[in-house]
Amino acid sequence: MKRLILSFIFLFLMIKSNAQNKQLPYYEIPEASNEYTAGSVMSRMVDGLGFRYYWATEGLTEKDLQFRPNAEVRTTEETIDHILNLSQVVVNATLNVESGTFDFSKMPFADKRKKTLENLKAASDILKKSDDISQFKIVFKRGESTSEFPFWNAINGPIADAIWHAGQIASFRRSSGNPFPKGVSVFTGKVKR
C-alpha cells in the first residue's frame, strides 16, 4: 500500500513538472513569420536559441549542473549563468536599457532557466514587431564608463555566443550520462509526440 501511495505521489509530481515545463517558452519554436524582415529574421534566430536552450537544459540533474570536463572549464551551471547574462544583454538591447554587471549565481537553477527563456521570448517578440532593428543598441554601463554598440554586435556577440554555449550544455550532459532528450528536432523546432 505504501508503495502504491508513493507511486501516485511520484506520478503526480512528474505530471505537474511536465505541465509547468510546457508553460515555459520554447517547448516548441513559435510559428514562423510570413514575411522576411530584419526583425522577423532576428526574432527567428532568438527563437532557435530559445528552443535549443530549452531542450539542452530540460531535465538536468545536480550531477549534470556540476559537471565540467576538466578543472579549467566552467561547470554546466556556470555556463547556464553565462547564458542568462547573455540573454539579459539581448533583452536589454531590445528594451533600450543599459546592461551592467549581473550576478545570478545565487538563483536556483529552475529560476535561472525560466528567466533565460523569458528574456529570449521577450526579445524575440520585440524584434518580430520591429521594422528597424538599428534602433536597438547594446549599452554597457560599468561604473562611470559607458560603451555603446550597434545591434549587429548582438548577432555575433551574445546571440551567437549563447547558441555556442547551449551546444556545450548538450555535449556536457551527454558526457555526464544524461543525453539530450529523444524526439526533439532542432531542424523543425518541434517535438515528436
N, C-alpha and C. Protein backbone atom coordinates (compact mmCIF):
# COMPACT_ATOMS: atom_id res chain seq x y z
N MET A 1 0.83 -1.20 0.00
CA MET A 1 0.00 0.00 0.00
C MET A 1 0.87 1.26 0.00
N LYS A 2 1.93 1.22 0.83
CA LYS A 2 2.83 2.37 0.92
C LYS A 2 3.49 2.63 -0.44
N ARG A 3 3.88 1.55 -1.14
CA ARG A 3 4.48 1.70 -2.47
C ARG A 3 3.49 2.32 -3.45
N LEU A 4 2.25 1.92 -3.37
CA LEU A 4 1.23 2.44 -4.26
C LEU A 4 1.03 3.94 -4.04
N ILE A 5 0.98 4.35 -2.80
CA ILE A 5 0.83 5.78 -2.47
C ILE A 5 2.04 6.56 -2.98
N LEU A 6 3.24 6.04 -2.73
CA LEU A 6 4.45 6.70 -3.21
C LEU A 6 4.47 6.78 -4.73
N SER A 7 4.00 5.73 -5.38
CA SER A 7 3.94 5.74 -6.85
C SER A 7 2.99 6.82 -7.35
N PHE A 8 1.84 6.97 -6.71
CA PHE A 8 0.89 8.01 -7.10
C PHE A 8 1.46 9.41 -6.87
N ILE A 9 2.13 9.59 -5.75
CA ILE A 9 2.76 10.89 -5.47
C ILE A 9 3.81 11.20 -6.52
N PHE A 10 4.65 10.22 -6.84
CA PHE A 10 5.69 10.41 -7.85
C PHE A 10 5.06 10.74 -9.21
N LEU A 11 4.02 10.01 -9.58
CA LEU A 11 3.34 10.25 -10.86
C LEU A 11 2.74 11.66 -10.89
N PHE A 12 2.12 12.07 -9.81
CA PHE A 12 1.54 13.41 -9.72
C PHE A 12 2.61 14.48 -9.90
N LEU A 13 3.73 14.31 -9.21
CA LEU A 13 4.82 15.29 -9.31
C LEU A 13 5.39 15.34 -10.72
N MET A 14 5.52 14.21 -11.38
CA MET A 14 6.03 14.18 -12.76
C MET A 14 5.06 14.89 -13.71
N ILE A 15 3.77 14.64 -13.55
CA ILE A 15 2.77 15.30 -14.41
C ILE A 15 2.78 16.80 -14.17
N LYS A 16 2.85 17.19 -12.91
CA LYS A 16 2.88 18.62 -12.57
C LYS A 16 4.12 19.29 -13.16
N SER A 17 5.27 18.64 -13.02
CA SER A 17 6.52 19.18 -13.56
C SER A 17 6.44 19.31 -15.08
N ASN A 18 5.89 18.32 -15.75
CA ASN A 18 5.76 18.36 -17.20
C ASN A 18 4.82 19.49 -17.62
N ALA A 19 3.73 19.68 -16.91
CA ALA A 19 2.79 20.76 -17.23
C ALA A 19 3.45 22.12 -17.05
N GLN A 20 4.24 22.28 -15.98
CA GLN A 20 4.94 23.55 -15.76
C GLN A 20 5.94 23.82 -16.86
N ASN A 21 6.66 22.79 -17.30
CA ASN A 21 7.65 22.97 -18.35
C ASN A 21 7.01 23.38 -19.66
N LYS A 22 5.84 22.85 -19.97
CA LYS A 22 5.16 23.22 -21.22
C LYS A 22 4.70 24.68 -21.17
N GLN A 23 4.61 25.26 -19.98
CA GLN A 23 4.22 26.67 -19.86
C GLN A 23 5.40 27.59 -20.10
N LEU A 24 6.61 27.09 -20.00
CA LEU A 24 7.78 27.91 -20.29
C LEU A 24 7.87 28.13 -21.79
N PRO A 25 8.41 29.27 -22.20
CA PRO A 25 8.59 29.48 -23.64
C PRO A 25 9.56 28.47 -24.24
N TYR A 26 9.35 28.16 -25.48
CA TYR A 26 10.26 27.38 -26.33
C TYR A 26 10.21 25.88 -26.15
N TYR A 27 9.11 25.35 -25.61
CA TYR A 27 8.91 23.90 -25.69
C TYR A 27 8.96 23.52 -27.17
N GLU A 28 8.36 24.37 -27.99
CA GLU A 28 8.49 24.29 -29.45
C GLU A 28 8.71 25.71 -29.97
N ILE A 29 9.29 25.81 -31.16
CA ILE A 29 9.51 27.14 -31.75
C ILE A 29 8.16 27.69 -32.21
N PRO A 30 7.89 28.96 -31.94
CA PRO A 30 6.65 29.56 -32.42
C PRO A 30 6.57 29.52 -33.95
N GLU A 31 5.38 29.67 -34.48
CA GLU A 31 5.20 29.69 -35.93
C GLU A 31 6.05 30.80 -36.54
N ALA A 32 6.60 30.52 -37.70
CA ALA A 32 7.44 31.50 -38.39
C ALA A 32 6.58 32.63 -38.94
N SER A 33 7.21 33.78 -39.07
CA SER A 33 6.55 34.94 -39.67
C SER A 33 6.30 34.67 -41.15
N ASN A 34 5.30 35.32 -41.70
CA ASN A 34 5.01 35.19 -43.13
C ASN A 34 5.94 36.04 -43.98
N GLU A 35 6.59 37.02 -43.37
CA GLU A 35 7.46 37.93 -44.10
C GLU A 35 8.89 37.84 -43.57
N TYR A 36 9.83 38.00 -44.50
CA TYR A 36 11.24 38.07 -44.12
C TYR A 36 11.62 39.54 -43.99
N THR A 37 11.77 39.98 -42.75
CA THR A 37 12.25 41.33 -42.48
C THR A 37 13.45 41.19 -41.55
N ALA A 38 14.18 42.25 -41.37
CA ALA A 38 15.31 42.20 -40.43
C ALA A 38 14.81 41.76 -39.06
N GLY A 39 13.69 42.32 -38.62
CA GLY A 39 13.15 41.98 -37.31
C GLY A 39 12.68 40.54 -37.21
N SER A 40 11.98 40.04 -38.26
CA SER A 40 11.48 38.67 -38.19
C SER A 40 12.62 37.65 -38.26
N VAL A 41 13.67 37.96 -39.03
CA VAL A 41 14.82 37.06 -39.10
C VAL A 41 15.55 37.02 -37.75
N MET A 42 15.76 38.18 -37.16
CA MET A 42 16.42 38.21 -35.84
C MET A 42 15.56 37.51 -34.79
N SER A 43 14.26 37.72 -34.85
CA SER A 43 13.35 37.06 -33.93
C SER A 43 13.48 35.55 -34.04
N ARG A 44 13.52 35.05 -35.28
CA ARG A 44 13.63 33.61 -35.51
C ARG A 44 14.97 33.07 -34.99
N MET A 45 16.01 33.86 -35.13
CA MET A 45 17.31 33.45 -34.63
C MET A 45 17.27 33.29 -33.10
N VAL A 46 16.64 34.24 -32.44
CA VAL A 46 16.49 34.17 -30.98
C VAL A 46 15.59 33.00 -30.61
N ASP A 47 14.53 32.75 -31.39
CA ASP A 47 13.67 31.60 -31.14
C ASP A 47 14.44 30.29 -31.24
N GLY A 48 15.32 30.20 -32.26
CA GLY A 48 16.14 29.00 -32.40
C GLY A 48 17.03 28.78 -31.19
N LEU A 49 17.61 29.86 -30.70
CA LEU A 49 18.41 29.79 -29.47
C LEU A 49 17.55 29.34 -28.31
N GLY A 50 16.36 29.94 -28.16
CA GLY A 50 15.47 29.58 -27.05
C GLY A 50 15.11 28.10 -27.06
N PHE A 51 14.78 27.58 -28.25
CA PHE A 51 14.41 26.16 -28.38
C PHE A 51 15.59 25.26 -28.01
N ARG A 52 16.76 25.57 -28.54
CA ARG A 52 17.94 24.76 -28.24
C ARG A 52 18.28 24.82 -26.75
N TYR A 53 18.16 26.01 -26.16
CA TYR A 53 18.45 26.17 -24.73
C TYR A 53 17.43 25.40 -23.89
N TYR A 54 16.15 25.51 -24.26
CA TYR A 54 15.09 24.81 -23.53
C TYR A 54 15.44 23.33 -23.40
N TRP A 55 15.75 22.71 -24.55
CA TRP A 55 15.97 21.27 -24.55
C TRP A 55 17.36 20.88 -24.05
N ALA A 56 18.34 21.74 -24.20
CA ALA A 56 19.67 21.44 -23.64
C ALA A 56 19.62 21.43 -22.11
N THR A 57 18.72 22.23 -21.54
CA THR A 57 18.64 22.35 -20.08
C THR A 57 17.49 21.55 -19.47
N GLU A 58 16.64 20.96 -20.29
CA GLU A 58 15.50 20.19 -19.80
C GLU A 58 15.97 18.93 -19.08
N GLY A 59 15.53 18.76 -17.84
CA GLY A 59 15.82 17.54 -17.10
C GLY A 59 17.24 17.41 -16.58
N LEU A 60 17.94 18.53 -16.45
CA LEU A 60 19.30 18.45 -15.90
C LEU A 60 19.24 18.09 -14.43
N THR A 61 20.17 17.27 -14.02
CA THR A 61 20.27 16.86 -12.62
C THR A 61 21.38 17.67 -11.94
N GLU A 62 21.47 17.54 -10.64
CA GLU A 62 22.54 18.22 -9.90
C GLU A 62 23.90 17.73 -10.39
N LYS A 63 23.99 16.44 -10.71
CA LYS A 63 25.24 15.90 -11.25
C LYS A 63 25.58 16.59 -12.58
N ASP A 64 24.57 16.78 -13.43
CA ASP A 64 24.80 17.47 -14.71
C ASP A 64 25.26 18.91 -14.47
N LEU A 65 24.60 19.59 -13.54
CA LEU A 65 24.92 21.01 -13.29
C LEU A 65 26.35 21.19 -12.79
N GLN A 66 26.86 20.22 -12.05
CA GLN A 66 28.22 20.33 -11.50
C GLN A 66 29.29 19.77 -12.44
N PHE A 67 28.86 19.18 -13.56
CA PHE A 67 29.82 18.56 -14.48
C PHE A 67 30.70 19.61 -15.16
N ARG A 68 31.96 19.25 -15.29
CA ARG A 68 32.92 20.02 -16.10
C ARG A 68 33.93 19.00 -16.64
N PRO A 69 34.31 19.13 -17.92
CA PRO A 69 35.22 18.14 -18.49
C PRO A 69 36.62 18.17 -17.86
N ASN A 70 37.04 19.33 -17.38
CA ASN A 70 38.31 19.43 -16.67
C ASN A 70 38.28 20.69 -15.79
N ALA A 71 39.28 20.85 -14.97
CA ALA A 71 39.29 21.92 -13.96
C ALA A 71 39.37 23.32 -14.56
N GLU A 72 39.76 23.43 -15.82
CA GLU A 72 39.93 24.75 -16.44
C GLU A 72 38.67 25.24 -17.16
N VAL A 73 37.61 24.46 -17.12
CA VAL A 73 36.38 24.76 -17.85
C VAL A 73 35.26 25.06 -16.88
N ARG A 74 34.33 25.94 -17.30
CA ARG A 74 33.14 26.20 -16.47
C ARG A 74 32.34 24.92 -16.27
N THR A 75 31.64 24.85 -15.13
CA THR A 75 30.66 23.79 -14.94
C THR A 75 29.46 24.09 -15.83
N THR A 76 28.58 23.11 -15.97
CA THR A 76 27.35 23.34 -16.73
C THR A 76 26.57 24.49 -16.10
N GLU A 77 26.47 24.52 -14.77
CA GLU A 77 25.71 25.59 -14.13
C GLU A 77 26.36 26.95 -14.34
N GLU A 78 27.67 27.02 -14.31
CA GLU A 78 28.35 28.29 -14.59
C GLU A 78 28.10 28.73 -16.04
N THR A 79 28.01 27.76 -16.94
CA THR A 79 27.68 28.06 -18.33
C THR A 79 26.25 28.58 -18.44
N ILE A 80 25.35 28.01 -17.66
CA ILE A 80 23.96 28.48 -17.61
C ILE A 80 23.90 29.92 -17.10
N ASP A 81 24.70 30.23 -16.08
CA ASP A 81 24.79 31.61 -15.58
C ASP A 81 25.24 32.56 -16.69
N HIS A 82 26.23 32.12 -17.44
CA HIS A 82 26.76 32.94 -18.53
C HIS A 82 25.69 33.18 -19.60
N ILE A 83 24.95 32.14 -19.97
CA ILE A 83 23.88 32.30 -20.97
C ILE A 83 22.80 33.23 -20.44
N LEU A 84 22.48 33.13 -19.17
CA LEU A 84 21.50 34.05 -18.58
C LEU A 84 21.98 35.49 -18.71
N ASN A 85 23.25 35.73 -18.43
CA ASN A 85 23.82 37.08 -18.61
C ASN A 85 23.70 37.54 -20.06
N LEU A 86 24.02 36.65 -20.99
CA LEU A 86 23.93 37.00 -22.41
C LEU A 86 22.48 37.31 -22.80
N SER A 87 21.54 36.53 -22.29
CA SER A 87 20.12 36.78 -22.60
C SER A 87 19.67 38.12 -22.04
N GLN A 88 20.23 38.50 -20.90
CA GLN A 88 19.90 39.80 -20.30
C GLN A 88 20.41 40.94 -21.18
N VAL A 89 21.60 40.79 -21.74
CA VAL A 89 22.15 41.81 -22.64
C VAL A 89 21.26 41.95 -23.88
N VAL A 90 20.81 40.82 -24.44
CA VAL A 90 19.97 40.86 -25.64
C VAL A 90 18.63 41.52 -25.35
N VAL A 91 17.96 41.10 -24.28
CA VAL A 91 16.65 41.70 -23.98
C VAL A 91 16.81 43.17 -23.62
N ASN A 92 17.86 43.52 -22.90
CA ASN A 92 18.08 44.93 -22.57
C ASN A 92 18.27 45.77 -23.82
N ALA A 93 18.97 45.23 -24.82
CA ALA A 93 19.16 45.96 -26.08
C ALA A 93 17.81 46.23 -26.74
N THR A 94 16.92 45.24 -26.73
CA THR A 94 15.61 45.43 -27.37
C THR A 94 14.70 46.35 -26.57
N LEU A 95 14.99 46.49 -25.28
CA LEU A 95 14.22 47.40 -24.43
C LEU A 95 14.88 48.78 -24.32
N ASN A 96 16.04 48.93 -24.97
CA ASN A 96 16.83 50.15 -24.89
C ASN A 96 17.19 50.50 -23.44
N VAL A 97 17.67 49.47 -22.74
CA VAL A 97 18.08 49.59 -21.34
C VAL A 97 19.56 49.24 -21.25
N GLU A 98 20.28 49.96 -20.41
CA GLU A 98 21.71 49.67 -20.21
C GLU A 98 21.90 48.31 -19.56
N SER A 99 23.01 47.68 -19.88
CA SER A 99 23.40 46.43 -19.24
C SER A 99 24.59 46.70 -18.34
N GLY A 100 24.47 46.27 -17.11
CA GLY A 100 25.57 46.41 -16.16
C GLY A 100 26.18 45.06 -15.89
N THR A 101 26.58 44.86 -14.66
CA THR A 101 27.12 43.58 -14.24
C THR A 101 26.00 42.83 -13.54
N PHE A 102 25.76 41.61 -13.98
CA PHE A 102 24.70 40.80 -13.40
C PHE A 102 25.32 39.65 -12.64
N ASP A 103 24.73 39.30 -11.50
CA ASP A 103 25.17 38.12 -10.76
C ASP A 103 23.94 37.29 -10.42
N PHE A 104 23.74 36.25 -11.20
CA PHE A 104 22.60 35.36 -10.99
C PHE A 104 23.01 34.06 -10.31
N SER A 105 24.25 33.99 -9.82
CA SER A 105 24.79 32.73 -9.30
C SER A 105 24.03 32.20 -8.08
N LYS A 106 23.36 33.06 -7.35
CA LYS A 106 22.64 32.62 -6.14
C LYS A 106 21.22 32.10 -6.44
N MET A 107 20.74 32.35 -7.66
CA MET A 107 19.40 31.89 -8.03
C MET A 107 19.38 30.37 -8.18
N PRO A 108 18.27 29.73 -7.83
CA PRO A 108 18.16 28.30 -8.10
C PRO A 108 18.14 28.05 -9.62
N PHE A 109 18.60 26.89 -10.03
CA PHE A 109 18.68 26.55 -11.45
C PHE A 109 17.35 26.76 -12.17
N ALA A 110 16.25 26.29 -11.60
CA ALA A 110 14.95 26.41 -12.27
C ALA A 110 14.60 27.87 -12.55
N ASP A 111 14.94 28.77 -11.63
CA ASP A 111 14.67 30.20 -11.83
C ASP A 111 15.57 30.79 -12.91
N LYS A 112 16.83 30.36 -12.94
CA LYS A 112 17.74 30.83 -13.99
C LYS A 112 17.23 30.41 -15.36
N ARG A 113 16.82 29.16 -15.45
CA ARG A 113 16.31 28.63 -16.72
C ARG A 113 15.08 29.40 -17.17
N LYS A 114 14.15 29.60 -16.25
CA LYS A 114 12.92 30.32 -16.57
C LYS A 114 13.23 31.75 -17.01
N LYS A 115 14.09 32.44 -16.28
CA LYS A 115 14.42 33.84 -16.61
C LYS A 115 15.10 33.92 -17.97
N THR A 116 15.99 33.00 -18.27
CA THR A 116 16.66 33.00 -19.57
C THR A 116 15.64 32.83 -20.68
N LEU A 117 14.75 31.86 -20.54
CA LEU A 117 13.74 31.61 -21.57
C LEU A 117 12.79 32.80 -21.72
N GLU A 118 12.41 33.40 -20.61
CA GLU A 118 11.53 34.58 -20.67
C GLU A 118 12.25 35.78 -21.31
N ASN A 119 13.53 35.96 -21.00
CA ASN A 119 14.30 37.04 -21.63
C ASN A 119 14.33 36.86 -23.14
N LEU A 120 14.62 35.63 -23.58
CA LEU A 120 14.71 35.36 -25.01
C LEU A 120 13.36 35.57 -25.69
N LYS A 121 12.29 35.13 -25.06
CA LYS A 121 10.95 35.29 -25.64
C LYS A 121 10.59 36.77 -25.74
N ALA A 122 10.89 37.54 -24.70
CA ALA A 122 10.59 38.98 -24.73
C ALA A 122 11.37 39.67 -25.84
N ALA A 123 12.65 39.34 -25.97
CA ALA A 123 13.47 39.94 -27.04
C ALA A 123 12.93 39.55 -28.40
N SER A 124 12.59 38.29 -28.58
CA SER A 124 12.05 37.81 -29.85
C SER A 124 10.76 38.54 -30.22
N ASP A 125 9.86 38.68 -29.26
CA ASP A 125 8.58 39.36 -29.53
C ASP A 125 8.80 40.80 -29.97
N ILE A 126 9.73 41.49 -29.34
CA ILE A 126 10.02 42.88 -29.71
C ILE A 126 10.63 42.93 -31.10
N LEU A 127 11.59 42.07 -31.36
CA LEU A 127 12.25 42.04 -32.67
C LEU A 127 11.27 41.72 -33.79
N LYS A 128 10.37 40.78 -33.54
CA LYS A 128 9.41 40.34 -34.55
C LYS A 128 8.55 41.51 -35.04
N LYS A 129 8.23 42.43 -34.15
CA LYS A 129 7.37 43.57 -34.49
C LYS A 129 8.14 44.76 -35.04
N SER A 130 9.47 44.67 -35.04
CA SER A 130 10.29 45.81 -35.41
C SER A 130 10.54 45.87 -36.92
N ASP A 131 10.37 47.07 -37.46
CA ASP A 131 10.72 47.31 -38.87
C ASP A 131 12.15 47.80 -39.00
N ASP A 132 12.72 48.28 -37.91
CA ASP A 132 14.05 48.88 -37.95
C ASP A 132 14.85 48.45 -36.73
N ILE A 133 15.63 47.39 -36.88
CA ILE A 133 16.38 46.91 -35.71
C ILE A 133 17.61 47.76 -35.41
N SER A 134 17.91 48.72 -36.28
CA SER A 134 19.05 49.61 -35.99
C SER A 134 18.75 50.53 -34.80
N GLN A 135 17.47 50.59 -34.40
CA GLN A 135 17.11 51.41 -33.23
C GLN A 135 17.60 50.78 -31.92
N PHE A 136 17.93 49.49 -31.97
CA PHE A 136 18.36 48.79 -30.76
C PHE A 136 19.88 48.88 -30.64
N LYS A 137 20.33 49.17 -29.45
CA LYS A 137 21.76 49.30 -29.17
C LYS A 137 22.09 48.47 -27.93
N ILE A 138 23.29 47.93 -27.94
CA ILE A 138 23.81 47.31 -26.72
C ILE A 138 24.59 48.39 -25.99
N VAL A 139 24.18 48.66 -24.77
CA VAL A 139 24.85 49.69 -23.97
C VAL A 139 25.33 49.04 -22.68
N PHE A 140 26.66 49.06 -22.49
CA PHE A 140 27.26 48.54 -21.27
C PHE A 140 27.60 49.69 -20.35
N LYS A 141 27.17 49.60 -19.11
CA LYS A 141 27.49 50.60 -18.09
C LYS A 141 28.31 49.91 -17.01
N ARG A 142 29.55 50.33 -16.87
CA ARG A 142 30.45 49.79 -15.86
C ARG A 142 31.00 50.97 -15.07
N GLY A 143 30.48 51.17 -13.88
CA GLY A 143 30.89 52.33 -13.08
C GLY A 143 30.52 53.61 -13.80
N GLU A 144 31.49 54.47 -14.03
CA GLU A 144 31.25 55.74 -14.74
C GLU A 144 31.40 55.59 -16.25
N SER A 145 31.84 54.44 -16.69
CA SER A 145 32.12 54.22 -18.11
C SER A 145 30.91 53.61 -18.82
N THR A 146 30.61 54.12 -20.01
CA THR A 146 29.53 53.60 -20.83
C THR A 146 30.07 53.30 -22.22
N SER A 147 29.72 52.12 -22.75
CA SER A 147 30.10 51.74 -24.11
C SER A 147 28.83 51.39 -24.87
N GLU A 148 28.73 51.86 -26.11
CA GLU A 148 27.54 51.60 -26.92
C GLU A 148 27.94 50.89 -28.21
N PHE A 149 27.14 49.88 -28.59
CA PHE A 149 27.41 49.10 -29.79
C PHE A 149 26.12 48.94 -30.59
N PRO A 150 26.22 48.88 -31.92
CA PRO A 150 25.03 48.65 -32.73
C PRO A 150 24.52 47.23 -32.54
N PHE A 151 23.28 47.00 -32.94
CA PHE A 151 22.67 45.68 -32.75
C PHE A 151 23.40 44.59 -33.53
N TRP A 152 24.15 44.97 -34.56
CA TRP A 152 24.98 43.98 -35.26
C TRP A 152 25.78 43.16 -34.26
N ASN A 153 26.30 43.82 -33.24
CA ASN A 153 27.13 43.14 -32.26
C ASN A 153 26.35 42.12 -31.43
N ALA A 154 25.03 42.28 -31.35
CA ALA A 154 24.22 41.28 -30.65
C ALA A 154 24.22 39.97 -31.42
N ILE A 155 24.30 40.07 -32.76
CA ILE A 155 24.27 38.86 -33.59
C ILE A 155 25.53 38.03 -33.37
N ASN A 156 26.68 38.64 -33.63
CA ASN A 156 27.93 37.89 -33.50
C ASN A 156 28.44 37.84 -32.05
N GLY A 157 27.82 38.61 -31.16
CA GLY A 157 28.20 38.63 -29.75
C GLY A 157 27.31 37.71 -28.93
N PRO A 158 26.41 38.27 -28.13
CA PRO A 158 25.67 37.45 -27.16
C PRO A 158 24.77 36.37 -27.77
N ILE A 159 24.17 36.62 -28.94
CA ILE A 159 23.29 35.59 -29.51
C ILE A 159 24.11 34.38 -29.99
N ALA A 160 25.14 34.65 -30.81
CA ALA A 160 25.98 33.54 -31.29
C ALA A 160 26.68 32.84 -30.13
N ASP A 161 27.13 33.61 -29.16
CA ASP A 161 27.81 33.03 -28.00
C ASP A 161 26.88 32.12 -27.22
N ALA A 162 25.63 32.54 -27.04
CA ALA A 162 24.66 31.73 -26.29
C ALA A 162 24.32 30.45 -27.06
N ILE A 163 24.22 30.53 -28.40
CA ILE A 163 23.98 29.32 -29.19
C ILE A 163 25.15 28.34 -28.99
N TRP A 164 26.35 28.87 -29.06
CA TRP A 164 27.55 28.07 -28.84
C TRP A 164 27.49 27.36 -27.49
N HIS A 165 27.16 28.11 -26.46
CA HIS A 165 27.14 27.54 -25.10
C HIS A 165 25.98 26.58 -24.89
N ALA A 166 24.85 26.78 -25.57
CA ALA A 166 23.75 25.80 -25.48
C ALA A 166 24.23 24.46 -26.04
N GLY A 167 25.02 24.50 -27.10
CA GLY A 167 25.61 23.27 -27.63
C GLY A 167 26.57 22.63 -26.64
N GLN A 168 27.32 23.47 -25.93
CA GLN A 168 28.22 22.96 -24.88
C GLN A 168 27.43 22.21 -23.81
N ILE A 169 26.32 22.79 -23.40
CA ILE A 169 25.50 22.14 -22.37
C ILE A 169 25.01 20.79 -22.87
N ALA A 170 24.56 20.73 -24.13
CA ALA A 170 24.11 19.46 -24.70
C ALA A 170 25.24 18.43 -24.69
N SER A 171 26.44 18.88 -25.01
CA SER A 171 27.60 17.99 -25.01
C SER A 171 27.98 17.57 -23.58
N PHE A 172 27.97 18.52 -22.67
CA PHE A 172 28.32 18.22 -21.27
C PHE A 172 27.34 17.21 -20.67
N ARG A 173 26.05 17.38 -20.96
CA ARG A 173 25.07 16.48 -20.35
C ARG A 173 25.24 15.07 -20.90
N ARG A 174 25.61 14.96 -22.16
CA ARG A 174 25.90 13.64 -22.73
C ARG A 174 27.10 13.02 -22.00
N SER A 175 28.10 13.84 -21.76
CA SER A 175 29.31 13.35 -21.07
C SER A 175 29.03 12.96 -19.62
N SER A 176 28.04 13.60 -19.00
CA SER A 176 27.72 13.27 -17.61
C SER A 176 26.67 12.17 -17.51
N GLY A 177 26.30 11.57 -18.67
CA GLY A 177 25.40 10.42 -18.66
C GLY A 177 23.93 10.73 -18.82
N ASN A 178 23.58 11.94 -19.23
CA ASN A 178 22.18 12.35 -19.37
C ASN A 178 22.01 13.03 -20.73
N PRO A 179 21.95 12.24 -21.83
CA PRO A 179 21.93 12.84 -23.16
C PRO A 179 20.68 13.66 -23.45
N PHE A 180 20.81 14.52 -24.46
CA PHE A 180 19.73 15.35 -24.98
C PHE A 180 18.49 14.48 -25.20
N PRO A 181 17.30 14.96 -24.81
CA PRO A 181 16.09 14.14 -24.94
C PRO A 181 15.82 13.71 -26.39
N LYS A 182 15.34 12.49 -26.55
CA LYS A 182 14.98 11.98 -27.88
C LYS A 182 13.69 12.64 -28.36
N GLY A 183 13.54 12.70 -29.68
CA GLY A 183 12.31 13.22 -30.27
C GLY A 183 12.29 14.72 -30.46
N VAL A 184 13.36 15.40 -30.11
CA VAL A 184 13.44 16.86 -30.25
C VAL A 184 14.17 17.16 -31.56
N SER A 185 13.52 17.88 -32.47
CA SER A 185 14.13 18.22 -33.75
C SER A 185 14.51 19.70 -33.76
N VAL A 186 15.82 19.97 -33.72
CA VAL A 186 16.26 21.37 -33.78
C VAL A 186 16.07 21.92 -35.19
N PHE A 187 15.91 21.05 -36.20
CA PHE A 187 15.66 21.50 -37.57
C PHE A 187 14.25 22.06 -37.72
N THR A 188 13.26 21.32 -37.21
CA THR A 188 11.86 21.77 -37.35
C THR A 188 11.39 22.60 -36.16
N GLY A 189 12.10 22.50 -35.04
CA GLY A 189 11.67 23.21 -33.84
C GLY A 189 10.47 22.57 -33.19
N LYS A 190 10.28 21.29 -33.46
CA LYS A 190 9.12 20.56 -32.93
C LYS A 190 9.59 19.37 -32.11
N VAL A 191 8.66 18.85 -31.31
CA VAL A 191 8.91 17.67 -30.51
C VAL A 191 8.01 16.56 -31.04
N LYS A 192 8.62 15.44 -31.38
CA LYS A 192 7.83 14.30 -31.88
C LYS A 192 7.04 13.72 -30.73
N ARG A 193 5.78 13.56 -30.95
CA ARG A 193 4.91 13.03 -29.90
C ARG A 193 4.65 11.58 -30.12
